[in-house]
Protein backbone atom coordinates (compact mmCIF):
# COMPACT_ATOMS: atom_id res chain seq x y z
CA MET A 1 73.78 77.13 110.83
CA PHE A 2 76.90 78.73 112.28
CA SER A 3 77.26 82.47 111.72
CA LEU A 4 80.02 84.88 112.67
CA PRO A 5 79.27 87.61 115.20
CA PRO A 6 78.72 91.04 113.57
CA SER A 7 81.51 92.53 115.70
CA PHE A 8 83.97 89.95 114.34
CA ILE A 9 82.94 90.70 110.72
CA VAL A 10 83.37 94.46 111.32
CA CYS A 11 86.80 93.87 112.87
CA LEU A 12 87.85 91.67 109.95
CA LEU A 13 86.71 94.28 107.42
CA LEU A 14 88.67 96.98 109.28
CA ILE A 15 91.82 94.84 109.23
CA VAL A 16 91.47 94.10 105.50
CA THR A 17 90.79 97.78 104.73
CA ALA A 18 93.77 98.91 106.81
CA SER A 19 95.98 96.38 105.03
CA VAL A 20 94.88 97.60 101.59
CA ILE A 21 95.44 101.25 102.56
CA TRP A 22 98.88 100.46 104.01
CA LYS A 23 99.95 98.66 100.81
CA TYR A 24 98.67 101.54 98.68
CA LEU A 25 100.48 104.19 100.73
CA HIS A 26 103.71 102.18 100.50
CA SER A 27 103.42 101.37 96.81
CA ALA A 28 106.13 102.46 94.40
CA GLU A 29 103.72 104.88 92.69
CA ILE A 30 102.78 106.71 95.90
CA LYS A 31 106.39 106.76 97.14
CA GLY A 32 107.36 108.29 93.81
CA LYS A 33 104.64 110.94 94.06
CA ARG A 34 105.71 111.84 97.61
CA GLY A 35 109.30 112.21 96.40
CA GLU A 36 108.26 114.41 93.49
CA ALA A 37 106.20 116.59 95.83
CA LEU A 38 109.26 117.14 98.06
CA VAL A 39 111.36 118.08 95.03
CA ASN A 40 108.64 120.42 93.79
CA LYS A 41 108.55 122.16 97.19
CA GLU A 42 112.33 122.61 97.06
CA LEU A 43 112.28 123.99 93.51
CA GLN A 44 109.60 126.54 94.38
CA GLN A 45 112.23 128.26 96.54
CA LEU A 46 114.41 129.07 93.51
CA PRO A 47 114.67 132.77 92.52
CA ASN A 48 111.86 134.28 90.43
CA ASP A 49 113.81 134.10 87.18
CA TYR A 50 113.61 130.28 87.24
CA THR A 51 110.54 128.54 85.79
CA VAL A 52 109.59 125.07 87.06
CA LEU A 53 107.55 122.63 84.96
CA TYR A 54 106.16 119.60 86.81
CA ASP A 55 105.22 116.15 85.41
CA VAL A 56 106.04 116.84 81.76
CA VAL A 57 105.16 114.24 79.11
CA LEU A 58 106.88 114.78 75.76
CA PRO A 59 105.95 112.89 72.58
CA THR A 60 108.74 110.87 70.97
CA ASP A 61 109.12 108.78 67.85
CA LYS A 62 108.37 105.71 70.02
CA GLY A 63 105.50 107.13 72.08
CA THR A 64 106.06 109.39 75.09
CA THR A 65 108.61 110.10 77.81
CA GLN A 66 107.70 111.43 81.28
CA ILE A 67 109.98 113.90 83.07
CA ASP A 68 109.45 114.67 86.77
CA HIS A 69 110.64 118.29 86.62
CA ILE A 70 112.17 120.69 84.12
CA VAL A 71 113.69 123.92 85.38
CA ILE A 72 114.25 126.69 82.83
CA ALA A 73 116.45 129.74 83.31
CA LYS A 74 118.75 131.98 81.27
CA TYR A 75 121.60 129.85 82.65
CA GLY A 76 120.35 126.58 81.20
CA VAL A 77 117.66 123.92 81.33
CA PHE A 78 117.74 121.35 84.15
CA VAL A 79 116.07 117.97 83.66
CA ILE A 80 115.37 116.31 87.00
CA GLU A 81 114.70 112.64 87.73
CA THR A 82 113.48 111.90 91.28
CA LYS A 83 114.16 108.71 93.26
CA ASN A 84 112.62 108.04 96.67
CA TYR A 85 114.95 105.41 98.15
CA ARG A 86 116.75 104.72 101.41
CA GLY A 87 119.74 102.55 102.26
CA ASP A 88 123.06 102.23 100.43
CA ILE A 89 122.93 102.87 96.68
CA TYR A 90 125.51 101.21 94.42
CA GLY A 91 125.95 102.16 90.76
CA ASN A 92 127.87 103.95 88.04
CA ASP A 93 127.19 105.44 84.61
CA SER A 94 127.68 102.22 82.63
CA ARG A 95 125.62 99.74 84.66
CA LYS A 96 122.19 98.91 83.31
CA GLU A 97 120.85 98.56 86.85
CA TRP A 98 121.78 100.03 90.23
CA THR A 99 121.45 98.23 93.56
CA GLN A 100 119.75 99.36 96.75
CA VAL A 101 121.03 97.63 99.91
CA ILE A 102 119.10 97.98 103.18
CA VAL A 103 120.69 96.58 106.34
CA THR A 104 118.24 96.22 109.22
CA PRO A 105 119.32 95.19 112.75
CA VAL A 106 116.91 92.60 114.16
CA THR A 107 116.69 91.40 117.78
CA TYR A 108 116.40 87.67 118.46
CA GLN A 109 112.90 86.80 119.58
CA ARG A 110 113.95 84.91 122.73
CA LYS A 111 117.27 86.62 123.37
CA TRP A 112 116.69 90.37 123.61
CA TYR A 113 120.41 91.01 124.13
CA LYS A 114 121.36 89.49 120.78
CA THR A 115 120.86 90.98 117.32
CA TYR A 116 121.54 90.03 113.74
CA THR A 117 121.38 91.95 110.49
CA TYR A 118 118.76 91.41 107.80
CA VAL A 119 119.95 92.49 104.36
CA THR A 120 117.54 93.41 101.57
CA LYS A 121 118.73 94.04 98.00
CA ASN A 122 116.62 95.67 95.29
CA LYS A 123 117.39 96.61 91.69
CA MET A 124 116.46 99.81 89.88
CA TYR A 125 117.02 100.90 86.29
CA ASN A 126 120.10 103.13 86.07
CA PRO A 127 118.64 106.60 86.85
CA VAL A 128 121.54 108.35 85.10
CA LYS A 129 120.70 106.60 81.82
CA GLN A 130 117.06 107.50 82.41
CA SER A 131 117.93 111.14 83.03
CA LEU A 132 120.23 111.28 79.98
CA GLY A 133 117.39 109.94 77.85
CA HIS A 134 115.18 112.76 79.09
CA MET A 135 117.94 115.26 78.36
CA PHE A 136 118.19 114.15 74.73
CA ARG A 137 114.40 114.40 74.33
CA VAL A 138 114.41 117.97 75.65
CA LYS A 139 117.30 118.87 73.32
CA GLU A 140 115.26 117.62 70.37
CA TRP A 141 112.63 120.24 71.19
CA LEU A 142 115.21 122.98 71.67
CA LYS A 143 117.21 122.62 68.44
CA ALA A 144 116.84 126.36 67.89
CA TYR A 145 119.15 126.82 70.90
CA PRO A 146 122.07 124.43 70.22
CA HIS A 147 124.44 126.13 72.67
CA LEU A 148 121.98 126.09 75.57
CA PRO A 149 123.12 123.53 78.19
CA VAL A 150 120.53 120.91 79.15
CA VAL A 151 121.71 119.45 82.45
CA PRO A 152 120.52 116.01 83.65
CA ILE A 153 120.13 115.71 87.43
CA VAL A 154 119.17 112.68 89.55
CA VAL A 155 117.98 113.60 93.04
CA PHE A 156 117.39 111.10 95.87
CA VAL A 157 114.87 112.32 98.43
CA GLY A 158 114.97 109.38 100.84
CA GLU A 159 117.65 108.68 103.45
CA ALA A 160 119.97 107.18 100.85
CA ASP A 161 123.73 106.85 101.13
CA LEU A 162 125.17 107.84 97.75
CA SER A 163 128.84 107.40 98.68
CA HIS A 164 129.00 104.20 96.60
CA VAL A 165 127.75 105.92 93.43
CA GLU A 166 130.32 106.84 90.77
CA SER A 167 128.98 109.18 88.11
CA THR A 168 130.21 112.03 85.94
CA HIS A 169 126.72 113.51 86.17
CA ALA A 170 124.83 115.14 89.05
CA VAL A 171 123.54 112.44 91.41
CA LEU A 172 122.69 114.14 94.67
CA ALA A 173 120.57 114.44 97.79
CA LEU A 174 117.59 116.79 98.00
CA HIS A 175 119.38 119.41 100.11
CA GLU A 176 121.99 119.80 97.35
CA LEU A 177 119.51 120.42 94.55
CA ARG A 178 119.01 124.19 94.64
CA THR A 179 122.71 124.90 95.12
CA THR A 180 123.59 122.66 92.18
CA ILE A 181 121.17 124.52 89.91
CA THR A 182 122.08 128.04 91.03
CA ASN A 183 125.82 127.31 90.69
CA TYR A 184 125.35 127.70 86.93
CA LYS A 185 126.15 131.38 86.42
CA THR A 186 126.90 131.77 82.69
CA ILE A 187 124.06 133.49 80.83
CA TYR A 188 123.01 131.79 77.57
CA LEU A 189 119.58 133.33 76.97
CA SER A 190 118.00 136.74 77.01
CA ASP A 191 114.80 137.17 79.00
CA GLU A 192 112.86 136.99 75.73
CA ASP A 193 114.52 133.75 74.63
CA THR A 194 114.05 132.25 78.09
CA ALA A 195 110.32 132.91 77.78
CA LYS A 196 110.35 131.29 74.31
CA VAL A 197 112.01 128.14 75.69
CA VAL A 198 109.34 127.94 78.40
CA THR A 199 106.61 128.31 75.77
CA ILE A 200 108.16 125.61 73.54
CA LEU A 201 108.30 123.04 76.35
CA GLN A 202 104.85 123.95 77.67
CA ALA A 203 103.38 123.54 74.18
CA ALA A 204 105.18 120.20 73.73
CA ASN A 205 103.80 118.83 77.01
CA VAL A 206 100.98 116.37 76.25
CA ARG A 207 100.33 115.29 79.84
CA GLU A 208 96.66 116.35 79.73
CA SER A 209 95.95 114.15 76.69
CA VAL A 210 97.98 111.07 77.73
CA SER A 211 96.92 108.84 80.62
CA ASN A 212 99.37 106.95 82.82
CA THR A 213 98.16 103.69 81.28
CA GLU A 214 98.94 104.92 77.77
CA HIS A 215 102.34 106.21 78.87
CA VAL A 216 103.24 102.83 80.46
CA ALA A 217 102.15 101.06 77.26
CA HIS A 218 104.43 103.38 75.25
CA ILE A 219 107.33 102.58 77.59
CA LYS A 220 106.85 98.81 77.14
CA ILE A 221 106.76 99.13 73.35
CA ALA A 222 109.83 101.39 73.35
CA LYS A 223 111.73 98.93 75.57
CA ARG A 224 111.01 96.05 73.20
CA GLN A 225 112.10 98.11 70.20
CA THR A 226 115.28 99.26 71.97
CA ALA A 227 116.14 95.71 73.03
CA ALA A 228 115.71 94.47 69.46
CA THR A 229 117.91 97.28 68.12
CA ILE A 230 120.67 96.54 70.65
CA LYS A 231 120.46 92.82 69.92
CA ALA A 232 121.11 93.65 66.27
CA GLY A 233 124.28 95.53 67.31
CA ILE A 234 122.86 98.97 66.52
CA CYS A 235 122.98 102.00 68.81
CA PRO A 236 119.34 102.84 69.71
CA ARG A 237 120.24 106.50 70.18
CA CYS A 238 121.94 107.45 66.90
CA GLY A 239 121.99 104.33 64.70
CA GLY A 240 125.75 103.77 64.98
CA THR A 241 127.41 100.38 65.44
CA LEU A 242 127.87 98.95 68.94
CA ILE A 243 131.53 98.08 69.50
CA LYS A 244 132.93 95.93 72.31
CA ARG A 245 135.26 97.93 74.55
CA SER A 246 137.13 97.53 77.85
CA GLY A 247 136.78 99.92 80.76
CA LYS A 248 137.39 100.34 84.47
CA TYR A 249 134.53 98.00 85.33
CA GLY A 250 135.14 95.38 82.63
CA THR A 251 133.92 95.01 79.07
CA PHE A 252 130.95 96.86 77.65
CA TYR A 253 129.50 97.92 74.29
CA GLY A 254 129.77 101.52 73.19
CA CYS A 255 128.61 103.47 70.16
CA SER A 256 131.00 103.79 67.21
CA ASN A 257 130.11 107.50 67.04
CA TYR A 258 131.75 108.25 70.41
CA PRO A 259 132.31 110.95 71.70
CA LYS A 260 129.42 112.53 69.78
CA CYS A 261 127.20 109.70 71.04
CA ARG A 262 127.99 108.30 74.51
CA PHE A 263 125.55 105.39 74.56
CA THR A 264 126.90 102.34 76.42
CA ILE A 265 125.46 99.05 77.62
CA ASN A 266 126.70 95.91 79.36
CA LYS A 267 125.57 92.94 77.30
């Protein structure tokens, strides 16, 4: 009976193991964690009167929502969504999805002096809409401070070109993050109230009691409920009526309670 040499079996096992490890290290989850770690390192360099909360999970009426970072100071609350992407990023506030375009120069196999470009396109859920959703959830917990600004920020930590992004909100590279936060100079809270806001959000955080699997299940249920609400012509944010409107990028549906509610979607 034919049998494989032990050295061949060991070599094969090493190749399979290396392949599994490589895929794991390059998975979306691990890339996301690396990006969040870079943002966390950057935020730790803020002045001492800023408090940073990491990986916050807040309960909602539809389950839970996970926020990468919340920064609290007497100047406001900053809700940060992290994206670890490279390449050219295309998007605006109204699009449901943004596009990542990666152009890679490739040399011909038999003609080293010739190259061609290989273009890869990937879709991502609009991070501005994601960040705005987090902002509204934080505001729900801070109703005792209605005049306190809650600022949504999307930060890209990879080598991404954001010149094709059009947004009225903060969409920026990692090196711009601290400056963006510290540019807010108006004082809204006393030291005592700042501490209270920190306590409120820390107490609301249910990360220790909610697993990632449960959180993902909550997201799927919430998405189905939101889709059904939109299909019925109802704003999922405030319950208003979705009205067809025309804008710079074509037609879209917006909430009848605008400008109080700025929910939009391209149907």
